[in-house]
Amino acid sequence: MYTNTKQIRANVKTSWSHPNCKFQRGDRVKVDESAGGYGWTGTDGAPRVTASYNSRPIQDRIGQEGHVVAVSCTPDGRIRGKAPNGYCERMYSRYYVQFCDGVIHGLHSHFLTSVE
């Protein structure tokens, strides 16, 4: 559990302006329900839920709002584009969101929605 960006062990940037980023620093976001697994209906019509790969503390944040404070990046500081070894392109960004209790969690962009 992080309470400031200096504690984050991953490669992150706390200042960026890349136009292809889904969020910018300071954007207000909400953790959507998909962070807890995806629901679907089985062939028998009964509801089913797939397990989420998110930790329980992240799943407990579903429906909560916070502010983006950092974004994942490559060791050389790039958020988008080819990885340093040129092997593949970065497809997913993890945004680090600070909630009202001061705790910071890293969440993939597809689990977050903008709050106006």
N, C-alpha and C. Protein backbone atom coordinates (compact mmCIF):
# COMPACT_ATOMS: atom_id res chain seq x y z
N MET A 1 0.85 -1.17 0.00
CA MET A 1 0.00 0.00 0.00
C MET A 1 0.89 1.23 0.00
N TYR A 2 0.61 2.13 -0.91
CA TYR A 2 1.41 3.35 -1.03
C TYR A 2 0.63 4.54 -0.48
N THR A 3 1.37 5.52 0.03
CA THR A 3 0.74 6.77 0.45
C THR A 3 1.37 7.97 -0.25
N ASN A 4 2.49 7.74 -0.96
CA ASN A 4 3.06 8.79 -1.81
C ASN A 4 3.75 8.13 -3.00
N THR A 5 3.97 8.89 -4.05
CA THR A 5 4.49 8.32 -5.30
C THR A 5 5.93 7.83 -5.19
N LYS A 6 6.68 8.31 -4.24
CA LYS A 6 8.08 7.86 -4.08
C LYS A 6 8.15 6.41 -3.59
N GLN A 7 7.08 5.90 -3.02
CA GLN A 7 7.05 4.52 -2.53
C GLN A 7 6.77 3.51 -3.64
N ILE A 8 6.28 3.96 -4.78
CA ILE A 8 5.92 3.05 -5.87
C ILE A 8 7.20 2.43 -6.44
N ARG A 9 7.24 1.12 -6.51
CA ARG A 9 8.45 0.42 -6.97
C ARG A 9 8.53 0.28 -8.48
N ALA A 10 7.42 0.43 -9.16
CA ALA A 10 7.40 0.31 -10.62
C ALA A 10 7.98 1.57 -11.25
N ASN A 11 8.27 1.49 -12.55
CA ASN A 11 8.69 2.68 -13.30
C ASN A 11 7.45 3.53 -13.55
N VAL A 12 7.44 4.74 -13.00
CA VAL A 12 6.29 5.63 -13.18
C VAL A 12 6.74 7.04 -13.48
N LYS A 13 5.81 7.80 -14.07
CA LYS A 13 6.02 9.23 -14.29
C LYS A 13 4.94 9.95 -13.49
N THR A 14 5.32 11.07 -12.91
CA THR A 14 4.34 11.88 -12.18
C THR A 14 4.00 13.15 -12.95
N SER A 15 4.62 13.33 -14.10
CA SER A 15 4.32 14.48 -14.96
C SER A 15 4.38 14.00 -16.41
N TRP A 16 3.29 14.20 -17.15
CA TRP A 16 3.24 13.79 -18.54
C TRP A 16 2.16 14.58 -19.25
N SER A 17 2.24 14.58 -20.57
CA SER A 17 1.23 15.28 -21.37
C SER A 17 1.00 14.59 -22.70
N HIS A 18 1.29 13.31 -22.78
CA HIS A 18 1.13 12.57 -24.03
C HIS A 18 -0.34 12.58 -24.43
N PRO A 19 -0.65 13.00 -25.67
CA PRO A 19 -2.05 13.14 -26.08
C PRO A 19 -2.82 11.82 -26.18
N ASN A 20 -2.13 10.70 -26.29
CA ASN A 20 -2.81 9.41 -26.41
C ASN A 20 -3.12 8.77 -25.05
N CYS A 21 -2.74 9.43 -23.97
CA CYS A 21 -3.03 8.88 -22.64
C CYS A 21 -4.52 9.06 -22.33
N LYS A 22 -5.10 8.05 -21.74
CA LYS A 22 -6.52 8.11 -21.39
C LYS A 22 -6.76 9.15 -20.30
N PHE A 23 -5.79 9.30 -19.37
CA PHE A 23 -5.92 10.24 -18.27
C PHE A 23 -4.65 11.07 -18.12
N GLN A 24 -4.79 12.23 -17.54
CA GLN A 24 -3.65 13.09 -17.22
C GLN A 24 -3.58 13.23 -15.70
N ARG A 25 -2.44 13.68 -15.21
CA ARG A 25 -2.28 13.87 -13.76
C ARG A 25 -3.36 14.83 -13.26
N GLY A 26 -3.96 14.46 -12.13
CA GLY A 26 -4.99 15.29 -11.53
C GLY A 26 -6.41 14.95 -11.96
N ASP A 27 -6.56 14.15 -13.02
CA ASP A 27 -7.90 13.77 -13.46
C ASP A 27 -8.61 12.99 -12.36
N ARG A 28 -9.89 13.27 -12.22
CA ARG A 28 -10.70 12.56 -11.25
C ARG A 28 -11.29 11.33 -11.94
N VAL A 29 -11.10 10.17 -11.32
CA VAL A 29 -11.54 8.91 -11.90
C VAL A 29 -12.31 8.08 -10.88
N LYS A 30 -13.06 7.12 -11.40
CA LYS A 30 -13.84 6.21 -10.56
C LYS A 30 -13.48 4.79 -10.95
N VAL A 31 -13.35 3.92 -9.95
CA VAL A 31 -13.07 2.50 -10.21
C VAL A 31 -14.38 1.83 -10.58
N ASP A 32 -14.43 1.23 -11.78
CA ASP A 32 -15.69 0.63 -12.20
C ASP A 32 -15.80 -0.83 -11.78
N GLU A 33 -16.99 -1.37 -11.93
CA GLU A 33 -17.30 -2.71 -11.42
C GLU A 33 -16.48 -3.82 -12.06
N SER A 34 -15.97 -3.60 -13.26
CA SER A 34 -15.21 -4.65 -13.93
C SER A 34 -13.93 -5.01 -13.17
N ALA A 35 -13.49 -4.18 -12.24
CA ALA A 35 -12.30 -4.49 -11.44
C ALA A 35 -12.54 -5.69 -10.52
N GLY A 36 -13.79 -6.05 -10.32
CA GLY A 36 -14.12 -7.17 -9.45
C GLY A 36 -14.40 -8.46 -10.19
N GLY A 37 -14.17 -8.50 -11.47
CA GLY A 37 -14.46 -9.68 -12.27
C GLY A 37 -15.62 -9.38 -13.20
N TYR A 38 -15.78 -10.17 -14.21
CA TYR A 38 -16.83 -9.93 -15.19
C TYR A 38 -17.96 -10.93 -15.00
N GLY A 39 -19.18 -10.41 -15.01
CA GLY A 39 -20.35 -11.27 -14.89
C GLY A 39 -20.79 -11.79 -16.24
N TRP A 40 -21.35 -12.98 -16.25
CA TRP A 40 -21.89 -13.56 -17.47
C TRP A 40 -22.93 -14.60 -17.08
N THR A 41 -23.69 -15.06 -18.00
CA THR A 41 -24.71 -16.06 -17.74
C THR A 41 -24.27 -17.38 -18.32
N GLY A 42 -24.37 -18.43 -17.51
CA GLY A 42 -23.99 -19.77 -17.96
C GLY A 42 -25.02 -20.34 -18.91
N THR A 43 -24.74 -21.50 -19.49
CA THR A 43 -25.67 -22.13 -20.44
C THR A 43 -26.97 -22.53 -19.77
N ASP A 44 -26.94 -22.69 -18.45
CA ASP A 44 -28.16 -23.03 -17.72
C ASP A 44 -28.96 -21.79 -17.32
N GLY A 45 -28.48 -20.59 -17.71
CA GLY A 45 -29.17 -19.34 -17.40
C GLY A 45 -28.82 -18.75 -16.04
N ALA A 46 -28.01 -19.46 -15.27
CA ALA A 46 -27.62 -18.97 -13.94
C ALA A 46 -26.49 -17.95 -14.07
N PRO A 47 -26.51 -16.91 -13.22
CA PRO A 47 -25.43 -15.90 -13.29
C PRO A 47 -24.10 -16.48 -12.81
N ARG A 48 -23.04 -16.08 -13.45
CA ARG A 48 -21.69 -16.49 -13.09
C ARG A 48 -20.80 -15.25 -13.05
N VAL A 49 -19.74 -15.31 -12.28
CA VAL A 49 -18.76 -14.22 -12.23
C VAL A 49 -17.37 -14.82 -12.35
N THR A 50 -16.56 -14.29 -13.26
CA THR A 50 -15.18 -14.75 -13.37
C THR A 50 -14.37 -14.10 -12.26
N ALA A 51 -13.37 -14.78 -11.81
CA ALA A 51 -12.51 -14.25 -10.77
C ALA A 51 -11.72 -13.06 -11.33
N SER A 52 -11.47 -12.10 -10.48
CA SER A 52 -10.69 -10.95 -10.89
C SER A 52 -9.23 -11.19 -10.54
N TYR A 53 -8.33 -10.66 -11.36
CA TYR A 53 -6.93 -10.76 -11.01
C TYR A 53 -6.50 -9.61 -10.13
N ASN A 54 -7.41 -8.68 -9.84
CA ASN A 54 -7.10 -7.58 -8.94
C ASN A 54 -7.13 -8.05 -7.49
N SER A 55 -6.29 -7.45 -6.68
CA SER A 55 -6.23 -7.80 -5.27
C SER A 55 -7.52 -7.38 -4.57
N ARG A 56 -7.76 -7.97 -3.42
CA ARG A 56 -8.95 -7.63 -2.64
C ARG A 56 -9.00 -6.14 -2.28
N PRO A 57 -7.86 -5.51 -1.87
CA PRO A 57 -7.91 -4.08 -1.59
C PRO A 57 -8.34 -3.24 -2.79
N ILE A 58 -7.95 -3.65 -3.99
CA ILE A 58 -8.38 -2.92 -5.19
C ILE A 58 -9.86 -3.18 -5.45
N GLN A 59 -10.30 -4.43 -5.31
CA GLN A 59 -11.72 -4.73 -5.51
C GLN A 59 -12.59 -3.97 -4.51
N ASP A 60 -12.08 -3.73 -3.33
CA ASP A 60 -12.83 -2.98 -2.32
C ASP A 60 -13.00 -1.51 -2.70
N ARG A 61 -12.25 -1.04 -3.68
CA ARG A 61 -12.34 0.35 -4.14
C ARG A 61 -13.38 0.55 -5.24
N ILE A 62 -14.06 -0.50 -5.66
CA ILE A 62 -15.07 -0.38 -6.71
C ILE A 62 -16.09 0.68 -6.30
N GLY A 63 -16.35 1.61 -7.21
CA GLY A 63 -17.31 2.68 -6.98
C GLY A 63 -16.71 3.91 -6.32
N GLN A 64 -15.46 3.82 -5.86
CA GLN A 64 -14.82 4.96 -5.21
C GLN A 64 -14.10 5.83 -6.23
N GLU A 65 -13.97 7.10 -5.88
CA GLU A 65 -13.30 8.06 -6.75
C GLU A 65 -11.98 8.51 -6.16
N GLY A 66 -11.07 8.89 -7.03
CA GLY A 66 -9.77 9.41 -6.61
C GLY A 66 -9.17 10.24 -7.73
N HIS A 67 -7.93 10.68 -7.52
CA HIS A 67 -7.23 11.50 -8.50
C HIS A 67 -5.99 10.77 -9.00
N VAL A 68 -5.75 10.85 -10.30
CA VAL A 68 -4.58 10.23 -10.91
C VAL A 68 -3.33 11.00 -10.47
N VAL A 69 -2.33 10.27 -9.96
CA VAL A 69 -1.09 10.91 -9.50
C VAL A 69 0.15 10.43 -10.24
N ALA A 70 0.04 9.29 -10.97
CA ALA A 70 1.20 8.77 -11.71
C ALA A 70 0.71 7.80 -12.78
N VAL A 71 1.60 7.48 -13.72
CA VAL A 71 1.30 6.53 -14.77
C VAL A 71 2.52 5.63 -14.97
N SER A 72 2.29 4.37 -15.32
CA SER A 72 3.39 3.45 -15.56
C SER A 72 4.13 3.84 -16.84
N CYS A 73 5.41 3.50 -16.89
CA CYS A 73 6.22 3.82 -18.07
C CYS A 73 7.36 2.81 -18.19
N THR A 74 8.06 2.87 -19.30
CA THR A 74 9.24 2.04 -19.50
C THR A 74 10.40 2.63 -18.71
N PRO A 75 11.49 1.89 -18.53
CA PRO A 75 12.63 2.43 -17.78
C PRO A 75 13.18 3.74 -18.36
N ASP A 76 13.01 3.94 -19.68
CA ASP A 76 13.51 5.19 -20.27
C ASP A 76 12.47 6.31 -20.23
N GLY A 77 11.30 6.05 -19.60
CA GLY A 77 10.32 7.11 -19.39
C GLY A 77 9.21 7.22 -20.40
N ARG A 78 9.16 6.30 -21.36
CA ARG A 78 8.09 6.38 -22.37
C ARG A 78 6.82 5.70 -21.86
N ILE A 79 5.71 6.37 -22.08
CA ILE A 79 4.42 5.82 -21.66
C ILE A 79 3.82 4.95 -22.76
N ARG A 80 3.95 5.37 -23.99
CA ARG A 80 3.38 4.67 -25.13
C ARG A 80 4.49 4.28 -26.10
N GLY A 81 4.17 3.37 -27.02
CA GLY A 81 5.12 3.02 -28.07
C GLY A 81 5.92 1.77 -27.75
N LYS A 82 6.99 1.58 -28.52
CA LYS A 82 7.80 0.38 -28.40
C LYS A 82 8.57 0.32 -27.10
N ALA A 83 8.69 -0.89 -26.59
CA ALA A 83 9.50 -1.13 -25.40
C ALA A 83 10.96 -0.89 -25.76
N PRO A 84 11.83 -0.64 -24.78
CA PRO A 84 13.23 -0.33 -25.08
C PRO A 84 13.94 -1.37 -25.95
N ASN A 85 13.59 -2.65 -25.79
CA ASN A 85 14.26 -3.68 -26.60
C ASN A 85 13.62 -3.83 -27.97
N GLY A 86 12.54 -3.05 -28.24
CA GLY A 86 11.89 -3.10 -29.54
C GLY A 86 11.05 -4.33 -29.78
N TYR A 87 10.93 -5.19 -28.79
CA TYR A 87 10.24 -6.46 -28.96
C TYR A 87 8.74 -6.29 -29.18
N CYS A 88 8.10 -5.48 -28.40
CA CYS A 88 6.66 -5.28 -28.55
C CYS A 88 6.29 -3.88 -28.08
N GLU A 89 5.13 -3.45 -28.45
CA GLU A 89 4.69 -2.13 -28.02
C GLU A 89 3.92 -2.23 -26.71
N ARG A 90 4.01 -1.18 -25.93
CA ARG A 90 3.23 -1.13 -24.69
C ARG A 90 1.78 -0.91 -25.06
N MET A 91 0.92 -1.78 -24.58
CA MET A 91 -0.50 -1.67 -24.92
C MET A 91 -1.33 -1.14 -23.75
N TYR A 92 -0.94 -1.45 -22.53
CA TYR A 92 -1.77 -1.10 -21.38
C TYR A 92 -1.01 -0.17 -20.44
N SER A 93 -1.73 0.78 -19.91
CA SER A 93 -1.15 1.70 -18.94
C SER A 93 -1.79 1.46 -17.59
N ARG A 94 -0.98 1.51 -16.57
CA ARG A 94 -1.48 1.42 -15.21
C ARG A 94 -1.41 2.83 -14.64
N TYR A 95 -2.55 3.31 -14.20
CA TYR A 95 -2.61 4.63 -13.59
C TYR A 95 -2.66 4.46 -12.08
N TYR A 96 -1.92 5.29 -11.39
CA TYR A 96 -1.88 5.25 -9.94
C TYR A 96 -2.83 6.32 -9.43
N VAL A 97 -3.82 5.87 -8.65
CA VAL A 97 -4.91 6.73 -8.20
C VAL A 97 -4.82 6.89 -6.68
N GLN A 98 -4.88 8.14 -6.23
CA GLN A 98 -4.87 8.42 -4.80
C GLN A 98 -6.31 8.70 -4.36
N PHE A 99 -6.76 7.94 -3.36
CA PHE A 99 -8.11 8.05 -2.86
C PHE A 99 -8.16 9.02 -1.68
N CYS A 100 -9.36 9.35 -1.22
CA CYS A 100 -9.53 10.38 -0.18
C CYS A 100 -8.86 10.01 1.14
N ASP A 101 -8.61 8.72 1.39
CA ASP A 101 -7.92 8.33 2.62
C ASP A 101 -6.40 8.38 2.47
N GLY A 102 -5.91 8.85 1.32
CA GLY A 102 -4.48 9.01 1.09
C GLY A 102 -3.79 7.81 0.48
N VAL A 103 -4.47 6.69 0.36
CA VAL A 103 -3.89 5.46 -0.18
C VAL A 103 -3.85 5.54 -1.71
N ILE A 104 -2.74 5.05 -2.28
CA ILE A 104 -2.56 5.02 -3.74
C ILE A 104 -2.58 3.57 -4.20
N HIS A 105 -3.38 3.30 -5.23
CA HIS A 105 -3.43 1.97 -5.86
C HIS A 105 -3.18 2.14 -7.35
N GLY A 106 -2.48 1.18 -7.94
CA GLY A 106 -2.26 1.16 -9.38
C GLY A 106 -3.34 0.32 -10.05
N LEU A 107 -4.03 0.90 -11.00
CA LEU A 107 -5.11 0.19 -11.71
C LEU A 107 -4.94 0.34 -13.21
N HIS A 108 -5.23 -0.72 -13.93
CA HIS A 108 -5.19 -0.64 -15.39
C HIS A 108 -6.26 0.34 -15.86
N SER A 109 -5.98 1.00 -16.95
CA SER A 109 -6.87 2.06 -17.44
C SER A 109 -8.27 1.56 -17.73
N HIS A 110 -8.42 0.29 -18.13
CA HIS A 110 -9.75 -0.21 -18.48
C HIS A 110 -10.64 -0.45 -17.26
N PHE A 111 -10.11 -0.28 -16.05
CA PHE A 111 -10.92 -0.38 -14.84
C PHE A 111 -11.33 1.00 -14.32
N LEU A 112 -10.96 2.06 -15.04
CA LEU A 112 -11.22 3.42 -14.59
C LEU A 112 -12.09 4.18 -15.58
N THR A 113 -12.95 5.03 -15.05
CA THR A 113 -13.74 5.92 -15.90
C THR A 113 -13.59 7.33 -15.38
N SER A 114 -13.67 8.30 -16.29
CA SER A 114 -13.54 9.71 -15.91
C SER A 114 -14.77 10.17 -15.14
N VAL A 115 -14.51 11.07 -14.21
CA VAL A 115 -15.59 11.71 -13.45
C VAL A 115 -15.52 13.19 -13.76
N GLU A 116 -16.61 13.75 -14.19
CA GLU A 116 -16.63 15.18 -14.54
C GLU A 116 -16.81 16.04 -13.33
